Amino acid sequence: MTSASVVRPETFEIPCRDGLSIRGEVYPAESALGSVVICHGFKGFAHWAFFPYLARTLAQDGLTAITFDFSGSGIGADRESFTQAEAFAGNTFSRELEDLELVEDYARRKKWINGKFGMFGHSRGGGVAILFAAAEGSNVNSLVTWAAISYPNRWSPEDTLTWRKRGYAEITNSRTGQVMRLGTDLLDDVELHGKTKLNIQGAAGKIKVPWLIVHGTGDETVDSSEAEHLHSLSKGISTLRLIERANHGFDATHPLGEVPPVLEKVVLETAKFFVRNAITK
């Protein structure tokens, strides 16, 4: 493996229909075996902790890696701060799936993706990646999810009722301490499409490509039983890796300094999985 400093990402920006943008980087591999699109989760962003490390590792192993901030992530142009409160408030699962279509189209025009490609998702981004990979006509040839959610409705009936009455829910960002508002667009999206295009469990049963499911048994945000459920639904397609005592971020901190052993382990296994399936396709 070459030095991480050799991989120099190139930035890009894709305009969306309503004035927002998808900002990201491509980590080009010298002689690409294939490509991987990387999806962050709720309150996540492409520069958080392990995402650049994962992208560089993939690129060093011969896979062009594409990372980006969802247009409704709330992350501003500095790619680090939550300065787009309105974008965050109005974000939905459906919008993130639309963003993925824009990213794929843009990456094809830039020749970063040719033919089929790998898909990676963490947490809510894992749920979105499952939905995208299972969609009719999908060009995904391999899938890796870390700490993925298995259903989109994450709120109790009581919380939903309060959310509806107030017109917003308040979400505290544990990293920054910011209190961010979510409008009812997300609720509407899940209630309208939760049993159809946002049915993650239904999508898990439709996955036909190699799928690696990674989850920590000490996950404090998404219980590892969700990984086991997704694995059981995938009809023998998926490989399940439960990492003993690992938390939601696999011991990563932001910014990422020294790489924790558990994170190094899952990144290396993820890279090998994508490389193996890129070569055999």
C-alpha atoms as a PDB file:
ATOM      1  CA  MET A   1       0.000   0.000   0.000  1.00  0.00           C
ATOM      2  CA  THR A   2       1.311   3.448  -0.899  1.00  0.00           C
ATOM      3  CA  SER A   3       1.463   6.422   1.433  1.00  0.00           C
ATOM      4  CA  ALA A   4      -1.860   8.066   2.250  1.00  0.00           C
ATOM      5  CA  SER A   5      -0.419  11.443   1.255  1.00  0.00           C
ATOM      6  CA  VAL A   6      -0.171  10.269  -2.373  1.00  0.00           C
ATOM      7  CA  VAL A   7      -3.967  10.303  -2.766  1.00  0.00           C
ATOM      8  CA  ARG A   8      -5.000  13.909  -3.384  1.00  0.00           C
ATOM      9  CA  PRO A   9      -8.746  14.423  -3.510  1.00  0.00           C
ATOM     10  CA  GLU A  10     -10.355  16.707  -6.066  1.00  0.00           C
ATOM     11  CA  THR A  11     -13.346  18.787  -4.960  1.00  0.00           C
ATOM     12  CA  PHE A  12     -16.613  19.107  -6.846  1.00  0.00           C
ATOM     13  CA  GLU A  13     -19.971  20.840  -6.456  1.00  0.00           C
ATOM     14  CA  ILE A  14     -23.272  19.755  -8.007  1.00  0.00           C
ATOM     15  CA  PRO A  15     -26.142  22.281  -8.063  1.00  0.00           C
ATOM     16  CA  CYS A  16     -29.596  21.042  -7.014  1.00  0.00           C
ATOM     17  CA  ARG A  17     -32.979  22.183  -8.294  1.00  0.00           C
ATOM     18  CA  ASP A  18     -33.717  24.513  -5.353  1.00  0.00           C
ATOM     19  CA  GLY A  19     -30.449  26.390  -4.988  1.00  0.00           C
ATOM     20  CA  LEU A  20     -28.742  23.971  -2.619  1.00  0.00           C
ATOM     21  CA  SER A  21     -25.577  22.094  -3.587  1.00  0.00           C
ATOM     22  CA  ILE A  22     -23.960  18.703  -3.159  1.00  0.00           C
ATOM     23  CA  ARG A  23     -20.320  19.344  -2.279  1.00  0.00           C
ATOM     24  CA  GLY A  24     -17.791  16.555  -2.285  1.00  0.00           C
ATOM     25  CA  GLU A  25     -14.468  15.038  -3.256  1.00  0.00           C
ATOM     26  CA  VAL A  26     -13.254  12.299  -5.503  1.00  0.00           C
ATOM     27  CA  TYR A  27     -10.236  10.302  -4.371  1.00  0.00           C
ATOM     28  CA  PRO A  28      -8.875   8.989  -7.672  1.00  0.00           C
ATOM     29  CA  ALA A  29      -7.144   5.632  -7.907  1.00  0.00           C
ATOM     30  CA  GLU A  30      -4.196   5.477 -10.295  1.00  0.00           C
ATOM     31  CA  SER A  31      -5.409   2.390 -12.143  1.00  0.00           C
ATOM     32  CA  ALA A  32      -8.981   2.088 -10.998  1.00  0.00           C
ATOM     33  CA  LEU A  33     -10.455  -1.382 -10.617  1.00  0.00           C
ATOM     34  CA  GLY A  34     -13.794   0.291  -9.982  1.00  0.00           C
ATOM     35  CA  SER A  35     -15.488   2.992  -7.942  1.00  0.00           C
ATOM     36  CA  VAL A  36     -17.239   3.352  -4.570  1.00  0.00           C
ATOM     37  CA  VAL A  37     -19.785   6.011  -3.575  1.00  0.00           C
ATOM     38  CA  ILE A  38     -19.735   6.794   0.165  1.00  0.00           C
ATOM     39  CA  CYS A  39     -22.823   7.998   2.086  1.00  0.00           C
ATOM     40  CA  HIS A  40     -22.651   9.656   5.518  1.00  0.00           C
ATOM     41  CA  GLY A  41     -25.476   9.450   8.033  1.00  0.00           C
ATOM     42  CA  PHE A  42     -27.783  11.791   9.959  1.00  0.00           C
ATOM     43  CA  LYS A  43     -25.821  14.729  11.435  1.00  0.00           C
ATOM     44  CA  GLY A  44     -22.819  13.354   9.546  1.00  0.00           C
ATOM     45  CA  PHE A  45     -20.689  14.835   6.782  1.00  0.00           C
ATOM     46  CA  ALA A  46     -18.023  13.708   4.326  1.00  0.00           C
ATOM     47  CA  HIS A  47     -15.097  15.148   6.309  1.00  0.00           C
ATOM     48  CA  TRP A  48     -16.162  13.575   9.603  1.00  0.00           C
ATOM     49  CA  ALA A  49     -13.633  11.331  11.349  1.00  0.00           C
ATOM     50  CA  PHE A  50     -13.299   8.089   9.387  1.00  0.00           C
ATOM     51  CA  PHE A  51     -14.718   9.023   5.977  1.00  0.00           C
ATOM     52  CA  PRO A  52     -11.508  10.575   4.515  1.00  0.00           C
ATOM     53  CA  TYR A  53      -9.484   7.664   5.959  1.00  0.00           C
ATOM     54  CA  LEU A  54     -11.846   5.144   4.369  1.00  0.00           C
ATOM     55  CA  ALA A  55     -11.804   6.987   1.029  1.00  0.00           C
ATOM     56  CA  ARG A  56      -7.996   7.156   0.935  1.00  0.00           C
ATOM     57  CA  THR A  57      -7.714   3.477   1.799  1.00  0.00           C
ATOM     58  CA  LEU A  58     -10.067   2.556  -1.041  1.00  0.00           C
ATOM     59  CA  ALA A  59      -8.132   4.738  -3.487  1.00  0.00           C
ATOM     60  CA  GLN A  60      -4.814   3.221  -2.400  1.00  0.00           C
ATOM     61  CA  ASP A  61      -6.307  -0.213  -3.051  1.00  0.00           C
ATOM     62  CA  GLY A  62      -7.357   0.709  -6.588  1.00  0.00           C
ATOM     63  CA  LEU A  63     -10.908   1.985  -6.138  1.00  0.00           C
ATOM     64  CA  THR A  64     -11.885   5.552  -6.979  1.00  0.00           C
ATOM     65  CA  ALA A  65     -13.785   6.819  -3.921  1.00  0.00           C
ATOM     66  CA  ILE A  66     -16.492   9.492  -4.130  1.00  0.00           C
ATOM     67  CA  THR A  67     -17.507  11.255  -0.910  1.00  0.00           C
ATOM     68  CA  PHE A  68     -19.987  14.109  -0.518  1.00  0.00           C
ATOM     69  CA  ASP A  69     -22.273  15.986   1.836  1.00  0.00           C
ATOM     70  CA  PHE A  70     -25.958  15.426   1.161  1.00  0.00           C
ATOM     71  CA  SER A  71     -27.523  18.727   0.079  1.00  0.00           C
ATOM     72  CA  GLY A  72     -29.774  18.671   3.147  1.00  0.00           C
ATOM     73  CA  SER A  73     -26.995  17.798   5.593  1.00  0.00           C
ATOM     74  CA  GLY A  74     -26.837  21.367   6.874  1.00  0.00           C
ATOM     75  CA  ILE A  75     -23.078  21.504   6.333  1.00  0.00           C
ATOM     76  CA  GLY A  76     -21.909  24.772   4.807  1.00  0.00           C
ATOM     77  CA  ALA A  77     -19.300  25.638   2.215  1.00  0.00           C
ATOM     78  CA  ASP A  78     -16.488  25.177   4.745  1.00  0.00           C
ATOM     79  CA  ARG A  79     -17.434  21.455   4.726  1.00  0.00           C
ATOM     80  CA  GLU A  80     -17.243  21.330   8.526  1.00  0.00           C
ATOM     81  CA  SER A  81     -19.839  23.611  10.164  1.00  0.00           C
ATOM     82  CA  PHE A  82     -23.617  23.272  10.357  1.00  0.00           C
ATOM     83  CA  THR A  83     -24.486  26.691   8.920  1.00  0.00           C
ATOM     84  CA  GLN A  84     -27.361  25.752   6.587  1.00  0.00           C
ATOM     85  CA  ALA A  85     -30.172  25.405   9.115  1.00  0.00           C
ATOM     86  CA  GLU A  86     -32.989  25.576   6.560  1.00  0.00           C
ATOM     87  CA  ALA A  87     -31.444  22.818   4.444  1.00  0.00           C
ATOM     88  CA  PHE A  88     -31.118  20.572   7.501  1.00  0.00           C
ATOM     89  CA  ALA A  89     -34.684  21.345   8.597  1.00  0.00           C
ATOM     90  CA  GLY A  90     -36.117  20.335   5.234  1.00  0.00           C
ATOM     91  CA  ASN A  91     -34.023  17.259   4.504  1.00  0.00           C
ATOM     92  CA  THR A  92     -35.721  13.904   3.780  1.00  0.00           C
ATOM     93  CA  PHE A  93     -34.861  10.342   2.803  1.00  0.00           C
ATOM     94  CA  SER A  94     -36.357  10.974  -0.629  1.00  0.00           C
ATOM     95  CA  ARG A  95     -34.131  13.984  -1.145  1.00  0.00           C
ATOM     96  CA  GLU A  96     -31.057  11.939  -0.249  1.00  0.00           C
ATOM     97  CA  LEU A  97     -32.033   9.317  -2.829  1.00  0.00           C
ATOM     98  CA  GLU A  98     -32.391  12.124  -5.402  1.00  0.00           C
ATOM     99  CA  ASP A  99     -28.955  13.422  -4.381  1.00  0.00           C
ATOM    100  CA  LEU A 100     -27.483   9.971  -5.019  1.00  0.00           C
ATOM    101  CA  GLU A 101     -28.937   9.959  -8.524  1.00  0.00           C
ATOM    102  CA  LEU A 102     -27.297  13.346  -9.171  1.00  0.00           C
ATOM    103  CA  VAL A 103     -23.968  12.108  -7.795  1.00  0.00           C
ATOM    104  CA  GLU A 104     -24.040   8.979  -9.953  1.00  0.00           C
ATOM    105  CA  ASP A 105     -24.929  10.974 -13.066  1.00  0.00           C
ATOM    106  CA  TYR A 106     -22.207  13.560 -12.394  1.00  0.00           C
ATOM    107  CA  ALA A 107     -19.604  10.873 -11.653  1.00  0.00           C
ATOM    108  CA  ARG A 108     -20.405   9.127 -14.932  1.00  0.00           C
ATOM    109  CA  ARG A 109     -20.004  12.342 -16.890  1.00  0.00           C
ATOM    110  CA  LYS A 110     -16.639  12.903 -15.190  1.00  0.00           C
ATOM    111  CA  LYS A 111     -15.640   9.269 -15.943  1.00  0.00           C
ATOM    112  CA  TRP A 112     -15.175   8.491 -12.241  1.00  0.00           C
ATOM    113  CA  ILE A 113     -17.726   5.720 -12.637  1.00  0.00           C
ATOM    114  CA  ASN A 114     -17.757   3.354 -15.597  1.00  0.00           C
ATOM    115  CA  GLY A 115     -20.377   0.619 -15.545  1.00  0.00           C
ATOM    116  CA  LYS A 116     -21.193  -0.843 -12.126  1.00  0.00           C
ATOM    117  CA  PHE A 117     -19.905   0.542  -8.821  1.00  0.00           C
ATOM    118  CA  GLY A 118     -19.758  -0.130  -5.084  1.00  0.00           C
ATOM    119  CA  MET A 119     -21.924   1.600  -2.488  1.00  0.00           C
ATOM    120  CA  PHE A 120     -21.037   2.346   1.137  1.00  0.00           C
ATOM    121  CA  GLY A 121     -23.276   3.798   3.841  1.00  0.00           C
ATOM    122  CA  HIS A 122     -22.996   4.501   7.563  1.00  0.00           C
ATOM    123  CA  SER A 123     -25.980   4.705   9.951  1.00  0.00           C
ATOM    124  CA  ARG A 124     -28.884   6.448   8.182  1.00  0.00           C
ATOM    125  CA  GLY A 125     -26.630   6.591   5.129  1.00  0.00           C
ATOM    126  CA  GLY A 126     -26.552   2.798   5.318  1.00  0.00           C
ATOM    127  CA  GLY A 127     -30.341   2.689   5.093  1.00  0.00           C
ATOM    128  CA  VAL A 128     -30.264   5.053   2.115  1.00  0.00           C
ATOM    129  CA  ALA A 129     -27.536   2.948   0.454  1.00  0.00           C
ATOM    130  CA  ILE A 130     -29.685  -0.187   0.856  1.00  0.00           C
ATOM    131  CA  LEU A 131     -32.657   1.554  -0.753  1.00  0.00           C
ATOM    132  CA  PHE A 132     -30.502   2.838  -3.616  1.00  0.00           C
ATOM    133  CA  ALA A 133     -28.830  -0.520  -4.224  1.00  0.00           C
ATOM    134  CA  ALA A 134     -32.163  -2.366  -4.258  1.00  0.00           C
ATOM    135  CA  ALA A 135     -33.926   0.015  -6.642  1.00  0.00           C
ATOM    136  CA  GLU A 136     -34.964  -1.241 -10.063  1.00  0.00           C
ATOM    137  CA  GLY A 137     -32.212  -0.643 -12.613  1.00  0.00           C
ATOM    138  CA  SER A 138     -29.550  -0.021  -9.948  1.00  0.00           C
ATOM    139  CA  ASN A 139     -25.934  -0.058 -11.116  1.00  0.00           C
ATOM    140  CA  VAL A 140     -24.578  -1.044  -7.696  1.00  0.00           C
ATOM    141  CA  ASN A 141     -22.475  -4.237  -7.821  1.00  0.00           C
ATOM    142  CA  SER A 142     -21.453  -4.471  -4.154  1.00  0.00           C
ATOM    143  CA  LEU A 143     -22.699  -2.972  -0.914  1.00  0.00           C
ATOM    144  CA  VAL A 144     -21.148  -2.331   2.513  1.00  0.00           C
ATOM    145  CA  THR A 145     -23.144  -0.899   5.396  1.00  0.00           C
ATOM    146  CA  TRP A 146     -21.793   0.070   8.806  1.00  0.00           C
ATOM    147  CA  ALA A 147     -24.197   0.511  11.740  1.00  0.00           C
ATOM    148  CA  ALA A 148     -27.088   0.821   9.279  1.00  0.00           C
ATOM    149  CA  ILE A 149     -30.652   1.568  10.308  1.00  0.00           C
ATOM    150  CA  SER A 150     -33.231  -1.033   9.283  1.00  0.00           C
ATOM    151  CA  TYR A 151     -36.332   1.198   9.306  1.00  0.00           C
ATOM    152  CA  PRO A 152     -36.871   4.935   8.623  1.00  0.00           C
ATOM    153  CA  ASN A 153     -39.373   5.839  11.369  1.00  0.00           C
ATOM    154  CA  ARG A 154     -37.107   6.417  14.378  1.00  0.00           C
ATOM    155  CA  TRP A 155     -39.576   8.303  16.584  1.00  0.00           C
ATOM    156  CA  SER A 156     -42.122   7.317  19.217  1.00  0.00           C
ATOM    157  CA  PRO A 157     -45.823   8.198  18.671  1.00  0.00           C
ATOM    158  CA  GLU A 158     -45.529  10.724  21.518  1.00  0.00           C
ATOM    159  CA  ASP A 159     -42.530  12.442  19.935  1.00  0.00           C
ATOM    160  CA  THR A 160     -44.291  12.492  16.572  1.00  0.00           C
ATOM    161  CA  LEU A 161     -47.365  14.119  18.081  1.00  0.00           C
ATOM    162  CA  THR A 162     -45.302  16.841  19.748  1.00  0.00           C
ATOM    163  CA  TRP A 163     -43.339  17.341  16.523  1.00  0.00           C
ATOM    164  CA  ARG A 164     -46.567  17.832  14.574  1.00  0.00           C
ATOM    165  CA  LYS A 165     -48.018  20.248  17.122  1.00  0.00           C
ATOM    166  CA  ARG A 166     -44.917  22.429  17.260  1.00  0.00           C
ATOM    167  CA  GLY A 167     -44.137  22.145  13.562  1.00  0.00           C
ATOM    168  CA  TYR A 168     -40.553  21.147  14.297  1.00  0.00           C
ATOM    169  CA  ALA A 169     -38.376  18.881  16.422  1.00  0.00           C
ATOM    170  CA  GLU A 170     -35.173  19.998  18.130  1.00  0.00           C
ATOM    171  CA  ILE A 171     -32.083  17.853  17.609  1.00  0.00           C
ATOM    172  CA  THR A 172     -28.957  18.398  19.684  1.00  0.00           C
ATOM    173  CA  ASN A 173     -25.654  17.839  17.926  1.00  0.00           C
ATOM    174  CA  SER A 174     -23.537  16.056  20.532  1.00  0.00           C
ATOM    175  CA  ARG A 175     -20.295  17.097  18.789  1.00  0.00           C
ATOM    176  CA  THR A 176     -20.964  20.838  18.547  1.00  0.00           C
ATOM    177  CA  GLY A 177     -23.710  21.357  21.133  1.00  0.00           C
ATOM    178  CA  GLN A 178     -25.862  23.067  18.507  1.00  0.00           C
ATOM    179  CA  VAL A 179     -29.616  22.666  18.771  1.00  0.00           C
ATOM    180  CA  MET A 180     -30.906  22.142  15.225  1.00  0.00           C
ATOM    181  CA  ARG A 181     -34.503  22.111  14.083  1.00  0.00           C
ATOM    182  CA  LEU A 182     -36.140  19.507  11.870  1.00  0.00           C
ATOM    183  CA  GLY A 183     -39.320  20.534  10.083  1.00  0.00           C
ATOM    184  CA  THR A 184     -42.164  18.137   9.359  1.00  0.00           C
ATOM    185  CA  ASP A 185     -40.931  17.334   5.826  1.00  0.00           C
ATOM    186  CA  LEU A 186     -39.080  14.298   7.156  1.00  0.00           C
ATOM    187  CA  LEU A 187     -42.175  13.051   8.999  1.00  0.00           C
ATOM    188  CA  ASP A 188     -44.312  13.558   5.897  1.00  0.00           C
ATOM    189  CA  ASP A 189     -41.803  11.682   3.748  1.00  0.00           C
ATOM    190  CA  VAL A 190     -41.643   8.677   6.081  1.00  0.00           C
ATOM    191  CA  GLU A 191     -45.415   8.521   6.595  1.00  0.00           C
ATOM    192  CA  LEU A 192     -46.092   8.810   2.863  1.00  0.00           C
ATOM    193  CA  HIS A 193     -43.380   6.476   1.572  1.00  0.00           C
ATOM    194  CA  GLY A 194     -42.334   4.362   4.567  1.00  0.00           C
ATOM    195  CA  LYS A 195     -44.038   1.236   3.234  1.00  0.00           C
ATOM    196  CA  THR A 196     -43.014   1.749  -0.383  1.00  0.00           C
ATOM    197  CA  LYS A 197     -39.853   3.431  -1.665  1.00  0.00           C
ATOM    198  CA  LEU A 198     -38.454   3.985   1.867  1.00  0.00           C
ATOM    199  CA  ASN A 199     -39.076   0.427   3.071  1.00  0.00           C
ATOM    200  CA  ILE A 200     -35.536  -0.526   4.086  1.00  0.00           C
ATOM    201  CA  GLN A 201     -36.496  -4.000   5.267  1.00  0.00           C
ATOM    202  CA  GLY A 202     -38.286  -4.688   2.001  1.00  0.00           C
ATOM    203  CA  ALA A 203     -35.246  -3.421   0.106  1.00  0.00           C
ATOM    204  CA  ALA A 204     -32.956  -5.736   2.110  1.00  0.00           C
ATOM    205  CA  GLY A 205     -34.893  -8.685   0.722  1.00  0.00           C
ATOM    206  CA  LYS A 206     -34.301  -7.429  -2.836  1.00  0.00           C
ATOM    207  CA  ILE A 207     -30.528  -6.999  -2.655  1.00  0.00           C
ATOM    208  CA  LYS A 208     -28.942  -9.284  -5.248  1.00  0.00           C
ATOM    209  CA  VAL A 209     -25.305  -8.163  -4.989  1.00  0.00           C
ATOM    210  CA  PRO A 210     -22.613  -9.093  -2.427  1.00  0.00           C
ATOM    211  CA  TRP A 211     -23.338  -7.214   0.811  1.00  0.00           C
ATOM    212  CA  LEU A 212     -21.140  -6.820   3.887  1.00  0.00           C
ATOM    213  CA  ILE A 213     -23.028  -5.784   7.050  1.00  0.00           C
ATOM    214  CA  VAL A 214     -20.773  -4.418   9.820  1.00  0.00           C
ATOM    215  CA  HIS A 215     -22.117  -3.441  13.242  1.00  0.00           C
ATOM    216  CA  GLY A 216     -20.702  -2.959  16.731  1.00  0.00           C
ATOM    217  CA  THR A 217     -22.355  -4.826  19.589  1.00  0.00           C
ATOM    218  CA  GLY A 218     -21.750  -1.743  21.756  1.00  0.00           C
ATOM    219  CA  ASP A 219     -23.502   0.632  19.337  1.00  0.00           C
ATOM    220  CA  GLU A 220     -25.240   3.270  21.444  1.00  0.00           C
ATOM    221  CA  THR A 221     -27.236   4.762  18.557  1.00  0.00           C
ATOM    222  CA  VAL A 222     -28.430   1.861  16.375  1.00  0.00           C
ATOM    223  CA  ASP A 223     -28.741  -1.484  18.157  1.00  0.00           C
ATOM    224  CA  SER A 224     -26.861  -4.383  16.566  1.00  0.00           C
ATOM    225  CA  SER A 225     -30.137  -6.344  16.416  1.00  0.00           C
ATOM    226  CA  GLU A 226     -30.962  -4.189  13.371  1.00  0.00           C
ATOM    227  CA  ALA A 227     -27.915  -5.604  11.574  1.00  0.00           C
ATOM    228  CA  GLU A 228     -28.993  -9.125  12.457  1.00  0.00           C
ATOM    229  CA  HIS A 229     -32.469  -8.411  11.133  1.00  0.00           C
ATOM    230  CA  LEU A 230     -31.149  -7.004   7.853  1.00  0.00           C
ATOM    231  CA  HIS A 231     -28.910 -10.063   7.499  1.00  0.00           C
ATOM    232  CA  SER A 232     -31.862 -12.411   8.038  1.00  0.00           C
ATOM    233  CA  LEU A 233     -33.911 -10.550   5.431  1.00  0.00           C
ATOM    234  CA  SER A 234     -31.207 -10.672   2.759  1.00  0.00           C
ATOM    235  CA  LYS A 235     -31.849 -14.330   1.932  1.00  0.00           C
ATOM    236  CA  GLY A 236     -28.267 -15.560   2.147  1.00  0.00           C
ATOM    237  CA  ILE A 237     -26.808 -12.673   0.140  1.00  0.00           C
ATOM    238  CA  SER A 238     -25.163 -10.755   2.973  1.00  0.00           C
ATOM    239  CA  THR A 239     -22.170 -11.411   5.219  1.00  0.00           C
ATOM    240  CA  LEU A 240     -22.651 -10.247   8.819  1.00  0.00           C
ATOM    241  CA  ARG A 241     -19.729  -8.968  10.909  1.00  0.00           C
ATOM    242  CA  LEU A 242     -20.614  -8.117  14.501  1.00  0.00           C
ATOM    243  CA  ILE A 243     -17.689  -6.292  16.123  1.00  0.00           C
ATOM    244  CA  GLU A 244     -17.547  -7.008  19.845  1.00  0.00           C
ATOM    245  CA  ARG A 245     -18.092  -3.898  21.997  1.00  0.00           C
ATOM    246  CA  ALA A 246     -17.544  -1.489  19.063  1.00  0.00           C
ATOM    247  CA  ASN A 247     -19.583   1.706  19.217  1.00  0.00           C
ATOM    248  CA  HIS A 248     -21.524   3.579  16.515  1.00  0.00           C
ATOM    249  CA  GLY A 249     -18.410   5.250  15.101  1.00  0.00           C
ATOM    250  CA  PHE A 250     -16.077   2.265  15.593  1.00  0.00           C
ATOM    251  CA  ASP A 251     -14.058   4.245  18.160  1.00  0.00           C
ATOM    252  CA  ALA A 252     -13.375   7.074  15.704  1.00  0.00           C
ATOM    253  CA  THR A 253     -13.216  10.646  16.979  1.00  0.00           C
ATOM    254  CA  HIS A 254     -13.378  13.875  15.021  1.00  0.00           C
ATOM    255  CA  PRO A 255     -10.926  15.001  13.909  1.00  0.00           C
ATOM    256  CA  LEU A 256      -9.367  11.585  13.451  1.00  0.00           C
ATOM    257  CA  GLY A 257      -5.881  11.395  14.922  1.00  0.00           C
ATOM    258  CA  GLU A 258      -4.412   7.974  15.549  1.00  0.00           C
ATOM    259  CA  VAL A 259      -6.542   5.293  13.894  1.00  0.00           C
ATOM    260  CA  PRO A 260      -8.174   3.038  16.526  1.00  0.00           C
ATOM    261  CA  PRO A 261      -7.520  -0.709  15.993  1.00  0.00           C
ATOM    262  CA  VAL A 262     -11.210  -1.532  15.589  1.00  0.00           C
ATOM    263  CA  LEU A 263     -11.617   1.148  12.913  1.00  0.00           C
ATOM    264  CA  GLU A 264      -8.521  -0.029  11.064  1.00  0.00           C
ATOM    265  CA  LYS A 265      -9.903  -3.576  11.131  1.00  0.00           C
ATOM    266  CA  VAL A 266     -13.280  -2.696   9.610  1.00  0.00           C
ATOM    267  CA  VAL A 267     -11.797  -0.300   7.035  1.00  0.00           C
ATOM    268  CA  LEU A 268      -9.351  -2.957   5.801  1.00  0.00           C
ATOM    269  CA  GLU A 269     -12.099  -5.591   5.606  1.00  0.00           C
ATOM    270  CA  THR A 270     -14.352  -3.141   3.775  1.00  0.00           C
ATOM    271  CA  ALA A 271     -11.639  -2.295   1.238  1.00  0.00           C
ATOM    272  CA  LYS A 272     -10.870  -5.982   0.612  1.00  0.00           C
ATOM    273  CA  PHE A 273     -14.561  -6.700   0.118  1.00  0.00           C
ATOM    274  CA  PHE A 274     -14.974  -3.947  -2.485  1.00  0.00           C
ATOM    275  CA  VAL A 275     -11.755  -4.893  -4.289  1.00  0.00           C
ATOM    276  CA  ARG A 276     -12.708  -8.573  -4.410  1.00  0.00           C
ATOM    277  CA  ASN A 277     -16.094  -7.808  -5.893  1.00  0.00           C
ATOM    278  CA  ALA A 278     -14.755  -5.215  -8.320  1.00  0.00           C
ATOM    279  CA  ILE A 279     -12.320  -7.780  -9.720  1.00  0.00           C
ATOM    280  CA  THR A 280     -14.873 -10.580 -10.032  1.00  0.00           C
ATOM    281  CA  LYS A 281     -17.555  -8.525 -11.754  1.00  0.00           C
END
